[in-house]
Amino acid sequence: MKKLEDIPKKEIFKVPDDYFDKLPGVIQSRIAADKDRHAIPVFRTVLQYGIPSLAVVVIAVILFFKPEPADSAESILTSIETQDLVAYLDETDISTDELLDEVTLDQLDAEQIEDAVFDLGDQDLEDIADDLDL
């Protein structure tokens, strides 16, 4: 068997002069070019998909956490039956004066209450006074 030292040494591959001295610079330039080439598509992808997705998420969050409109006091009171409201007011210790102090009536409200209380119909005040012998 032959020994390793007995095998003749030949240069099978020929390397250009200063190849290994220039190799790190060549590798660095390729890496820098590769970084620049991939930076633009990432930015384009963010603009293309990121911003519209963010807009959809923001709109979804706004719609999900949107507060429900509060019912007005008038709509709540109209849902209560008149008999229930009268029974409640009869059972409480609130007086008519205290109730009227809390309520502000405009001219239209006062006229509607007056029409409901004094429903005269087609009679005028003189006929009513004659009926009462005043």
N, C-alpha and C. Protein backbone atom coordinates (compact mmCIF):
# COMPACT_ATOMS: atom_id res chain seq x y z
N MET A 1 0.83 -1.17 0.00
CA MET A 1 0.00 0.00 0.00
C MET A 1 0.88 1.24 0.00
N LYS A 2 0.38 2.28 -0.67
CA LYS A 2 1.15 3.50 -0.80
C LYS A 2 0.89 4.39 0.40
N LYS A 3 1.88 5.13 0.70
CA LYS A 3 1.74 6.10 1.77
C LYS A 3 1.34 7.43 1.16
N LEU A 4 0.77 8.24 1.99
CA LEU A 4 0.30 9.56 1.56
C LEU A 4 1.46 10.41 1.06
N GLU A 5 2.57 10.26 1.66
CA GLU A 5 3.72 11.06 1.25
C GLU A 5 4.25 10.63 -0.13
N ASP A 6 3.95 9.41 -0.53
CA ASP A 6 4.45 8.90 -1.80
C ASP A 6 3.62 9.38 -2.99
N ILE A 7 2.41 9.89 -2.74
CA ILE A 7 1.53 10.34 -3.83
C ILE A 7 2.07 11.69 -4.32
N PRO A 8 2.25 11.83 -5.66
CA PRO A 8 2.76 13.09 -6.17
C PRO A 8 1.74 14.22 -5.99
N LYS A 9 2.20 15.40 -5.69
CA LYS A 9 1.33 16.56 -5.46
C LYS A 9 1.22 17.35 -6.76
N LYS A 10 -0.04 17.47 -7.22
CA LYS A 10 -0.30 18.22 -8.43
C LYS A 10 -1.35 19.29 -8.11
N GLU A 11 -1.28 20.38 -8.77
CA GLU A 11 -2.30 21.41 -8.62
C GLU A 11 -3.38 21.14 -9.66
N ILE A 12 -4.48 20.62 -9.21
CA ILE A 12 -5.57 20.27 -10.13
C ILE A 12 -6.36 21.52 -10.49
N PHE A 13 -6.61 22.37 -9.52
CA PHE A 13 -7.38 23.59 -9.75
C PHE A 13 -6.45 24.79 -9.73
N LYS A 14 -6.68 25.68 -10.65
CA LYS A 14 -5.87 26.89 -10.73
C LYS A 14 -6.71 28.05 -10.21
N VAL A 15 -6.24 28.75 -9.21
CA VAL A 15 -6.94 29.88 -8.60
C VAL A 15 -6.30 31.15 -9.11
N PRO A 16 -7.09 32.14 -9.53
CA PRO A 16 -6.51 33.40 -9.99
C PRO A 16 -5.71 34.07 -8.87
N ASP A 17 -4.78 34.91 -9.28
CA ASP A 17 -3.96 35.62 -8.30
C ASP A 17 -4.84 36.55 -7.46
N ASP A 18 -4.57 36.68 -6.19
CA ASP A 18 -5.28 37.53 -5.21
C ASP A 18 -6.78 37.20 -5.11
N TYR A 19 -7.17 35.99 -5.47
CA TYR A 19 -8.59 35.60 -5.41
C TYR A 19 -9.09 35.65 -3.98
N PHE A 20 -8.37 35.06 -3.06
CA PHE A 20 -8.83 35.01 -1.68
C PHE A 20 -8.71 36.36 -0.99
N ASP A 21 -7.89 37.25 -1.48
CA ASP A 21 -7.81 38.60 -0.93
C ASP A 21 -9.03 39.43 -1.32
N LYS A 22 -9.54 39.20 -2.51
CA LYS A 22 -10.70 39.96 -3.01
C LYS A 22 -12.03 39.32 -2.61
N LEU A 23 -12.05 38.08 -2.21
CA LEU A 23 -13.29 37.34 -1.93
C LEU A 23 -14.16 37.99 -0.86
N PRO A 24 -13.66 38.45 0.29
CA PRO A 24 -14.55 39.10 1.28
C PRO A 24 -15.23 40.34 0.73
N GLY A 25 -14.54 41.13 -0.07
CA GLY A 25 -15.16 42.32 -0.66
C GLY A 25 -16.27 41.96 -1.62
N VAL A 26 -16.07 40.91 -2.41
CA VAL A 26 -17.10 40.46 -3.36
C VAL A 26 -18.34 39.97 -2.61
N ILE A 27 -18.12 39.22 -1.55
CA ILE A 27 -19.25 38.70 -0.76
C ILE A 27 -20.03 39.85 -0.11
N GLN A 28 -19.31 40.81 0.45
CA GLN A 28 -19.98 41.95 1.09
C GLN A 28 -20.79 42.76 0.07
N SER A 29 -20.28 42.95 -1.12
CA SER A 29 -21.02 43.72 -2.13
C SER A 29 -22.28 42.98 -2.56
N ARG A 30 -22.21 41.66 -2.66
CA ARG A 30 -23.41 40.87 -3.02
C ARG A 30 -24.46 40.92 -1.91
N ILE A 31 -24.01 40.87 -0.67
CA ILE A 31 -24.96 40.95 0.46
C ILE A 31 -25.65 42.31 0.48
N ALA A 32 -24.89 43.37 0.28
CA ALA A 32 -25.47 44.72 0.27
C ALA A 32 -26.47 44.87 -0.87
N ALA A 33 -26.15 44.35 -2.05
CA ALA A 33 -27.07 44.43 -3.19
C ALA A 33 -28.33 43.62 -2.91
N ASP A 34 -28.19 42.49 -2.24
CA ASP A 34 -29.33 41.64 -1.92
C ASP A 34 -30.25 42.33 -0.91
N LYS A 35 -29.69 43.03 0.07
CA LYS A 35 -30.51 43.75 1.05
C LYS A 35 -31.32 44.84 0.37
N ASP A 36 -30.69 45.60 -0.53
CA ASP A 36 -31.39 46.67 -1.22
C ASP A 36 -32.50 46.13 -2.10
N ARG A 37 -32.30 45.00 -2.69
CA ARG A 37 -33.29 44.41 -3.58
C ARG A 37 -34.52 43.94 -2.80
N HIS A 38 -34.35 43.46 -1.56
CA HIS A 38 -35.49 42.96 -0.77
C HIS A 38 -36.16 44.04 0.05
N ALA A 39 -35.55 45.18 0.21
CA ALA A 39 -36.15 46.24 1.02
C ALA A 39 -37.37 46.83 0.34
N ILE A 40 -37.35 47.01 -0.94
CA ILE A 40 -38.47 47.61 -1.67
C ILE A 40 -39.70 46.72 -1.66
N PRO A 41 -39.63 45.42 -1.94
CA PRO A 41 -40.84 44.60 -1.89
C PRO A 41 -41.47 44.53 -0.50
N VAL A 42 -40.66 44.56 0.54
CA VAL A 42 -41.23 44.54 1.89
C VAL A 42 -42.03 45.81 2.13
N PHE A 43 -41.46 46.93 1.74
CA PHE A 43 -42.17 48.20 1.89
C PHE A 43 -43.44 48.22 1.05
N ARG A 44 -43.35 47.70 -0.16
CA ARG A 44 -44.51 47.64 -1.05
C ARG A 44 -45.59 46.73 -0.46
N THR A 45 -45.18 45.62 0.15
CA THR A 45 -46.13 44.69 0.76
C THR A 45 -46.84 45.33 1.94
N VAL A 46 -46.09 46.09 2.72
CA VAL A 46 -46.71 46.79 3.86
C VAL A 46 -47.73 47.78 3.36
N LEU A 47 -47.40 48.53 2.34
CA LEU A 47 -48.35 49.50 1.79
C LEU A 47 -49.55 48.81 1.17
N GLN A 48 -49.32 47.70 0.52
CA GLN A 48 -50.39 47.03 -0.20
C GLN A 48 -51.36 46.32 0.73
N TYR A 49 -50.84 45.65 1.75
CA TYR A 49 -51.71 44.84 2.61
C TYR A 49 -51.84 45.38 4.03
N GLY A 50 -50.81 46.00 4.54
CA GLY A 50 -50.81 46.43 5.93
C GLY A 50 -51.75 47.57 6.22
N ILE A 51 -51.69 48.62 5.42
CA ILE A 51 -52.52 49.80 5.67
C ILE A 51 -54.01 49.50 5.48
N PRO A 52 -54.44 48.83 4.40
CA PRO A 52 -55.87 48.50 4.30
C PRO A 52 -56.34 47.56 5.43
N SER A 53 -55.48 46.64 5.83
CA SER A 53 -55.85 45.74 6.93
C SER A 53 -56.01 46.51 8.22
N LEU A 54 -55.11 47.45 8.45
CA LEU A 54 -55.20 48.27 9.65
C LEU A 54 -56.47 49.11 9.63
N ALA A 55 -56.83 49.64 8.48
CA ALA A 55 -58.06 50.42 8.37
C ALA A 55 -59.28 49.56 8.68
N VAL A 56 -59.31 48.34 8.20
CA VAL A 56 -60.43 47.44 8.47
C VAL A 56 -60.51 47.12 9.95
N VAL A 57 -59.38 46.89 10.59
CA VAL A 57 -59.36 46.59 12.02
C VAL A 57 -59.86 47.79 12.83
N VAL A 58 -59.42 48.98 12.47
CA VAL A 58 -59.85 50.18 13.19
C VAL A 58 -61.36 50.38 13.04
N ILE A 59 -61.89 50.21 11.86
CA ILE A 59 -63.33 50.36 11.64
C ILE A 59 -64.10 49.30 12.42
N ALA A 60 -63.61 48.07 12.43
CA ALA A 60 -64.27 47.00 13.17
C ALA A 60 -64.29 47.30 14.67
N VAL A 61 -63.19 47.81 15.20
CA VAL A 61 -63.14 48.14 16.63
C VAL A 61 -64.10 49.28 16.94
N ILE A 62 -64.15 50.28 16.08
CA ILE A 62 -65.07 51.40 16.31
C ILE A 62 -66.51 50.92 16.29
N LEU A 63 -66.87 50.09 15.34
CA LEU A 63 -68.24 49.59 15.26
C LEU A 63 -68.58 48.66 16.41
N PHE A 64 -67.60 47.89 16.88
CA PHE A 64 -67.85 46.95 17.97
C PHE A 64 -68.07 47.67 19.29
N PHE A 65 -67.28 48.72 19.54
CA PHE A 65 -67.38 49.42 20.81
C PHE A 65 -68.24 50.67 20.74
N LYS A 66 -69.01 50.83 19.68
CA LYS A 66 -69.88 51.99 19.53
C LYS A 66 -70.98 51.93 20.59
N PRO A 67 -71.14 52.99 21.38
CA PRO A 67 -72.18 52.94 22.42
C PRO A 67 -73.57 52.98 21.81
N GLU A 68 -74.45 52.28 22.44
CA GLU A 68 -75.85 52.26 21.99
C GLU A 68 -76.48 53.61 22.33
N PRO A 69 -77.35 54.13 21.47
CA PRO A 69 -78.00 55.39 21.80
C PRO A 69 -78.95 55.19 22.98
N ALA A 70 -78.89 56.12 23.90
CA ALA A 70 -79.73 56.03 25.09
C ALA A 70 -81.16 56.42 24.73
N ASP A 71 -82.10 55.71 25.33
CA ASP A 71 -83.51 56.05 25.11
C ASP A 71 -83.81 57.35 25.85
N SER A 72 -84.65 58.16 25.25
CA SER A 72 -85.02 59.41 25.91
C SER A 72 -86.03 59.12 27.00
N ALA A 73 -86.16 60.05 27.91
CA ALA A 73 -87.10 59.89 29.03
C ALA A 73 -88.53 59.77 28.51
N GLU A 74 -88.82 60.51 27.45
CA GLU A 74 -90.17 60.46 26.90
C GLU A 74 -90.50 59.09 26.32
N SER A 75 -89.55 58.48 25.63
CA SER A 75 -89.81 57.16 25.05
C SER A 75 -89.95 56.10 26.14
N ILE A 76 -89.22 56.27 27.23
CA ILE A 76 -89.37 55.32 28.35
C ILE A 76 -90.74 55.48 29.00
N LEU A 77 -91.15 56.73 29.19
CA LEU A 77 -92.45 56.96 29.82
C LEU A 77 -93.61 56.52 28.94
N THR A 78 -93.48 56.64 27.62
CA THR A 78 -94.56 56.20 26.74
C THR A 78 -94.72 54.68 26.75
N SER A 79 -93.65 53.97 27.13
CA SER A 79 -93.76 52.51 27.18
C SER A 79 -94.46 52.02 28.45
N ILE A 80 -94.63 52.91 29.43
CA ILE A 80 -95.28 52.53 30.70
C ILE A 80 -96.78 52.78 30.57
N GLU A 81 -97.56 51.84 31.01
CA GLU A 81 -99.02 51.99 30.99
C GLU A 81 -99.43 53.10 31.95
N THR A 82 -100.49 53.83 31.59
CA THR A 82 -100.96 54.95 32.41
C THR A 82 -101.39 54.47 33.79
N GLN A 83 -102.07 53.32 33.86
CA GLN A 83 -102.54 52.80 35.15
C GLN A 83 -101.34 52.49 36.06
N ASP A 84 -100.29 51.94 35.49
CA ASP A 84 -99.10 51.63 36.29
C ASP A 84 -98.44 52.90 36.81
N LEU A 85 -98.40 53.92 35.97
CA LEU A 85 -97.80 55.18 36.38
C LEU A 85 -98.61 55.85 37.48
N VAL A 86 -99.94 55.83 37.35
CA VAL A 86 -100.81 56.41 38.38
C VAL A 86 -100.68 55.64 39.69
N ALA A 87 -100.62 54.32 39.60
CA ALA A 87 -100.48 53.50 40.80
C ALA A 87 -99.15 53.79 41.48
N TYR A 88 -98.11 53.95 40.73
CA TYR A 88 -96.80 54.27 41.31
C TYR A 88 -96.83 55.61 42.02
N LEU A 89 -97.42 56.62 41.37
CA LEU A 89 -97.47 57.95 41.97
C LEU A 89 -98.34 57.96 43.22
N ASP A 90 -99.41 57.14 43.26
CA ASP A 90 -100.26 57.05 44.45
C ASP A 90 -99.52 56.41 45.61
N GLU A 91 -98.64 55.46 45.32
CA GLU A 91 -97.93 54.74 46.38
C GLU A 91 -96.73 55.51 46.93
N THR A 92 -96.22 56.47 46.20
CA THR A 92 -95.05 57.20 46.67
C THR A 92 -95.48 58.36 47.55
N ASP A 93 -94.53 58.90 48.29
CA ASP A 93 -94.81 60.01 49.20
C ASP A 93 -94.60 61.36 48.54
N ILE A 94 -94.45 61.40 47.24
CA ILE A 94 -94.22 62.66 46.55
C ILE A 94 -95.53 63.41 46.40
N SER A 95 -95.49 64.69 46.69
CA SER A 95 -96.71 65.49 46.58
C SER A 95 -96.82 66.08 45.17
N THR A 96 -97.98 66.61 44.87
CA THR A 96 -98.20 67.22 43.56
C THR A 96 -97.30 68.43 43.38
N ASP A 97 -97.14 69.20 44.45
CA ASP A 97 -96.27 70.38 44.36
C ASP A 97 -94.81 69.98 44.08
N GLU A 98 -94.33 68.94 44.74
CA GLU A 98 -92.97 68.47 44.50
C GLU A 98 -92.81 67.97 43.06
N LEU A 99 -93.84 67.29 42.59
CA LEU A 99 -93.79 66.78 41.21
C LEU A 99 -93.77 67.93 40.21
N LEU A 100 -94.57 68.95 40.45
CA LEU A 100 -94.62 70.09 39.54
C LEU A 100 -93.36 70.94 39.61
N ASP A 101 -92.68 70.93 40.77
CA ASP A 101 -91.42 71.66 40.86
C ASP A 101 -90.34 71.06 39.96
N GLU A 102 -90.39 69.76 39.76
CA GLU A 102 -89.39 69.07 38.96
C GLU A 102 -89.68 69.14 37.47
N VAL A 103 -90.91 69.45 37.09
CA VAL A 103 -91.30 69.42 35.69
C VAL A 103 -91.35 70.85 35.15
N THR A 104 -90.83 71.04 33.96
CA THR A 104 -90.94 72.33 33.28
C THR A 104 -91.87 72.14 32.10
N LEU A 105 -92.91 72.91 32.07
CA LEU A 105 -93.92 72.81 31.02
C LEU A 105 -93.83 74.05 30.12
N ASP A 106 -93.94 73.82 28.82
CA ASP A 106 -94.02 74.96 27.92
C ASP A 106 -95.49 75.23 27.61
N GLN A 107 -95.76 76.19 26.81
CA GLN A 107 -97.14 76.61 26.51
C GLN A 107 -97.95 75.48 25.87
N LEU A 108 -97.34 74.73 24.98
CA LEU A 108 -98.04 73.64 24.31
C LEU A 108 -98.44 72.55 25.31
N ASP A 109 -97.52 72.20 26.22
CA ASP A 109 -97.85 71.19 27.23
C ASP A 109 -98.99 71.67 28.12
N ALA A 110 -98.96 72.93 28.52
CA ALA A 110 -100.01 73.47 29.38
C ALA A 110 -101.36 73.44 28.66
N GLU A 111 -101.39 73.78 27.39
CA GLU A 111 -102.65 73.75 26.63
C GLU A 111 -103.18 72.33 26.49
N GLN A 112 -102.29 71.36 26.27
CA GLN A 112 -102.74 69.97 26.15
C GLN A 112 -103.32 69.46 27.47
N ILE A 113 -102.69 69.82 28.58
CA ILE A 113 -103.22 69.41 29.89
C ILE A 113 -104.56 70.09 30.15
N GLU A 114 -104.66 71.35 29.82
CA GLU A 114 -105.91 72.09 30.01
C GLU A 114 -107.02 71.50 29.17
N ASP A 115 -106.73 71.13 27.93
CA ASP A 115 -107.75 70.53 27.07
C ASP A 115 -108.20 69.18 27.62
N ALA A 116 -107.26 68.42 28.18
CA ALA A 116 -107.62 67.11 28.72
C ALA A 116 -108.45 67.25 29.98
N VAL A 117 -108.14 68.21 30.83
CA VAL A 117 -108.87 68.38 32.10
C VAL A 117 -110.21 69.05 31.86
N PHE A 118 -110.19 70.10 31.08
CA PHE A 118 -111.42 70.86 30.82
C PHE A 118 -111.91 70.57 29.42
N ASP A 119 -112.30 69.34 29.16
CA ASP A 119 -112.78 68.96 27.84
C ASP A 119 -114.20 69.48 27.69
N LEU A 120 -114.31 70.68 27.12
CA LEU A 120 -115.60 71.34 27.01
C LEU A 120 -116.36 70.90 25.78
N GLY A 121 -115.70 70.43 24.80
CA GLY A 121 -116.36 70.02 23.57
C GLY A 121 -116.91 71.24 22.86
N ASP A 122 -118.19 71.16 22.48
CA ASP A 122 -118.81 72.26 21.73
C ASP A 122 -119.48 73.28 22.64
N GLN A 123 -119.52 73.01 23.93
CA GLN A 123 -120.15 73.96 24.86
C GLN A 123 -119.22 75.14 25.10
N ASP A 124 -119.84 76.30 25.30
CA ASP A 124 -118.99 77.39 25.71
C ASP A 124 -119.25 77.70 27.19
N LEU A 125 -118.50 78.61 27.74
CA LEU A 125 -118.51 78.84 29.18
C LEU A 125 -119.87 79.32 29.70
N GLU A 126 -120.61 80.05 28.89
CA GLU A 126 -121.93 80.55 29.35
C GLU A 126 -122.90 79.40 29.57
N ASP A 127 -122.87 78.40 28.69
CA ASP A 127 -123.76 77.24 28.86
C ASP A 127 -123.37 76.46 30.10
N ILE A 128 -122.15 76.35 30.38
CA ILE A 128 -121.70 75.63 31.56
C ILE A 128 -122.09 76.39 32.81
N ALA A 129 -121.95 77.71 32.79
CA ALA A 129 -122.34 78.54 33.95
C ALA A 129 -123.84 78.44 34.18
N ASP A 130 -124.68 78.41 33.13
CA ASP A 130 -126.12 78.26 33.27
C ASP A 130 -126.46 76.91 33.89
N ASP A 131 -125.71 75.87 33.49
CA ASP A 131 -125.96 74.53 34.05
C ASP A 131 -125.63 74.48 35.55
N LEU A 132 -124.67 75.25 35.96
CA LEU A 132 -124.24 75.24 37.35
C LEU A 132 -125.00 76.26 38.18
N ASP A 133 -125.85 77.07 37.58
CA ASP A 133 -126.65 78.14 38.24
C ASP A 133 -125.74 79.14 38.94
N LEU A 134 -124.78 79.68 38.22
CA LEU A 134 -123.90 80.69 38.77
C LEU A 134 -124.37 82.04 38.43
